[in-house]
C-alpha atoms as a PDB file:
ATOM      1  CA  UNK A   1    -202.114 144.615 -80.182  1.00  0.00           C
ATOM      2  CA  UNK A   2    -200.663 147.579 -78.320  1.00  0.00           C
ATOM      3  CA  UNK A   3    -199.009 150.711 -79.678  1.00  0.00           C
ATOM      4  CA  UNK A   4    -196.369 152.490 -77.625  1.00  0.00           C
ATOM      5  CA  UNK A   5    -196.132 156.150 -78.670  1.00  0.00           C
ATOM      6  CA  UNK A   6    -193.280 158.414 -77.560  1.00  0.00           C
ATOM      7  CA  UNK A   7    -193.563 162.200 -77.925  1.00  0.00           C
ATOM      8  CA  UNK A   8    -190.618 164.499 -77.228  1.00  0.00           C
ATOM      9  CA  UNK A   9    -189.709 168.086 -77.874  1.00  0.00           C
ATOM     10  CA  UNK A  10    -187.722 168.675 -81.052  1.00  0.00           C
ATOM     11  CA  UNK A  11    -183.982 169.061 -80.464  1.00  0.00           C
ATOM     12  CA  UNK A  12    -184.254 172.700 -81.552  1.00  0.00           C
ATOM     13  CA  UNK A  13    -186.746 173.467 -78.742  1.00  0.00           C
ATOM     14  CA  UNK A  14    -185.438 174.315 -75.288  1.00  0.00           C
ATOM     15  CA  UNK A  15    -186.419 171.583 -72.814  1.00  0.00           C
ATOM     16  CA  UNK A  16    -186.449 173.452 -69.502  1.00  0.00           C
ATOM     17  CA  UNK A  17    -187.790 170.490 -67.530  1.00  0.00           C
ATOM     18  CA  UNK A  18    -185.165 168.153 -68.977  1.00  0.00           C
ATOM     19  CA  UNK A  19    -182.434 170.687 -68.183  1.00  0.00           C
ATOM     20  CA  UNK A  20    -183.686 170.969 -64.583  1.00  0.00           C
ATOM     21  CA  UNK A  21    -183.484 167.194 -64.194  1.00  0.00           C
ATOM     22  CA  UNK A  22    -179.991 167.121 -65.732  1.00  0.00           C
ATOM     23  CA  UNK A  23    -178.833 169.887 -63.373  1.00  0.00           C
ATOM     24  CA  UNK A  24    -180.248 168.014 -60.367  1.00  0.00           C
ATOM     25  CA  UNK A  25    -178.503 164.788 -61.405  1.00  0.00           C
ATOM     26  CA  UNK A  26    -175.197 166.626 -61.691  1.00  0.00           C
ATOM     27  CA  UNK A  27    -175.663 168.279 -58.279  1.00  0.00           C
ATOM     28  CA  UNK A  28    -176.426 164.850 -56.819  1.00  0.00           C
ATOM     29  CA  UNK A  29    -173.120 163.683 -58.363  1.00  0.00           C
ATOM     30  CA  UNK A  30    -174.572 161.142 -60.783  1.00  0.00           C
ATOM     31  CA  UNK A  31    -171.955 160.561 -63.459  1.00  0.00           C
ATOM     32  CA  UNK A  32    -172.258 159.917 -67.153  1.00  0.00           C
ATOM     33  CA  UNK A  33    -175.487 161.814 -67.931  1.00  0.00           C
ATOM     34  CA  UNK A  34    -174.774 164.346 -70.666  1.00  0.00           C
ATOM     35  CA  UNK A  35    -178.342 165.480 -71.392  1.00  0.00           C
ATOM     36  CA  UNK A  36    -181.957 164.829 -70.390  1.00  0.00           C
ATOM     37  CA  UNK A  37    -184.974 165.296 -72.655  1.00  0.00           C
ATOM     38  CA  UNK A  38    -188.434 164.754 -71.208  1.00  0.00           C
ATOM     39  CA  UNK A  39    -191.572 163.822 -73.050  1.00  0.00           C
ATOM     40  CA  UNK A  40    -194.870 161.948 -73.049  1.00  0.00           C
ATOM     41  CA  UNK A  41    -195.599 158.246 -73.369  1.00  0.00           C
ATOM     42  CA  UNK A  42    -198.908 156.747 -74.520  1.00  0.00           C
ATOM     43  CA  UNK A  43    -200.068 153.131 -74.714  1.00  0.00           C
ATOM     44  CA  UNK A  44    -202.914 152.528 -77.159  1.00  0.00           C
ATOM     45  CA  UNK A  45    -204.753 149.203 -77.093  1.00  0.00           C
ATOM     46  CA  UNK A  46    -205.879 148.446 -80.630  1.00  0.00           C
ATOM     47  CA  UNK A  47    -208.802 146.380 -81.902  1.00  0.00           C
ATOM     48  CA  UNK A  48    -207.963 142.744 -82.582  1.00  0.00           C
ATOM     49  CA  UNK A  49    -209.245 142.959 -86.149  1.00  0.00           C
ATOM     50  CA  UNK A  50    -206.569 145.353 -87.411  1.00  0.00           C
ATOM     51  CA  UNK A  51    -203.862 144.027 -89.706  1.00  0.00           C
ATOM     52  CA  UNK A  52    -200.316 145.076 -88.808  1.00  0.00           C
ATOM     53  CA  UNK A  53    -199.957 147.474 -91.771  1.00  0.00           C
ATOM     54  CA  UNK A  54    -203.368 148.993 -91.077  1.00  0.00           C
ATOM     55  CA  UNK A  55    -202.506 149.440 -87.377  1.00  0.00           C
ATOM     56  CA  UNK A  56    -199.190 151.040 -88.253  1.00  0.00           C
ATOM     57  CA  UNK A  57    -200.857 153.559 -90.564  1.00  0.00           C
ATOM     58  CA  UNK A  58    -203.609 154.367 -88.064  1.00  0.00           C
ATOM     59  CA  UNK A  59    -201.251 154.789 -85.091  1.00  0.00           C
ATOM     60  CA  UNK A  60    -198.918 156.954 -87.170  1.00  0.00           C
ATOM     61  CA  UNK A  61    -201.822 159.185 -88.088  1.00  0.00           C
ATOM     62  CA  UNK A  62    -203.069 159.391 -84.473  1.00  0.00           C
ATOM     63  CA  UNK A  63    -199.573 160.156 -83.216  1.00  0.00           C
ATOM     64  CA  UNK A  64    -198.983 162.936 -85.751  1.00  0.00           C
ATOM     65  CA  UNK A  65    -202.463 164.501 -85.776  1.00  0.00           C
ATOM     66  CA  UNK A  66    -203.649 164.118 -82.163  1.00  0.00           C
ATOM     67  CA  UNK A  67    -200.846 163.307 -79.725  1.00  0.00           C
ATOM     68  CA  UNK A  68    -198.138 165.598 -81.119  1.00  0.00           C
ATOM     69  CA  UNK A  69    -197.864 169.342 -81.598  1.00  0.00           C
ATOM     70  CA  UNK A  70    -195.885 169.262 -84.867  1.00  0.00           C
ATOM     71  CA  UNK A  71    -194.505 172.762 -84.366  1.00  0.00           C
ATOM     72  CA  UNK A  72    -192.473 171.812 -81.278  1.00  0.00           C
ATOM     73  CA  UNK A  73    -192.696 168.023 -80.892  1.00  0.00           C
ATOM     74  CA  UNK A  74    -191.737 164.856 -82.711  1.00  0.00           C
ATOM     75  CA  UNK A  75    -192.962 161.319 -82.189  1.00  0.00           C
ATOM     76  CA  UNK A  76    -192.092 157.710 -82.684  1.00  0.00           C
ATOM     77  CA  UNK A  77    -193.992 154.514 -81.988  1.00  0.00           C
ATOM     78  CA  UNK A  78    -193.720 150.767 -81.957  1.00  0.00           C
ATOM     79  CA  UNK A  79    -196.358 148.065 -82.200  1.00  0.00           C
ATOM     80  CA  UNK A  80    -196.467 145.072 -79.886  1.00  0.00           C
ATOM     81  CA  UNK A  81    -198.483 141.938 -80.677  1.00  0.00           C
END
């Protein structure tokens, strides 16, 4: 089983890198992009013996306690069999 973890800055935190990308896209005349937020992406390969509920709890804990700075970031994840 694999866990895909996405970490992004909270909407209330200025994303300077995302804004730079958005500005560049506009200068390059790409249309339809209103905003860009950048972040981090992790793929965790989990042990085969974990039940789905157990894996979900463990990945949630890892994402919140290790991969995310809760002051400025938020996270989401999905499990893939």
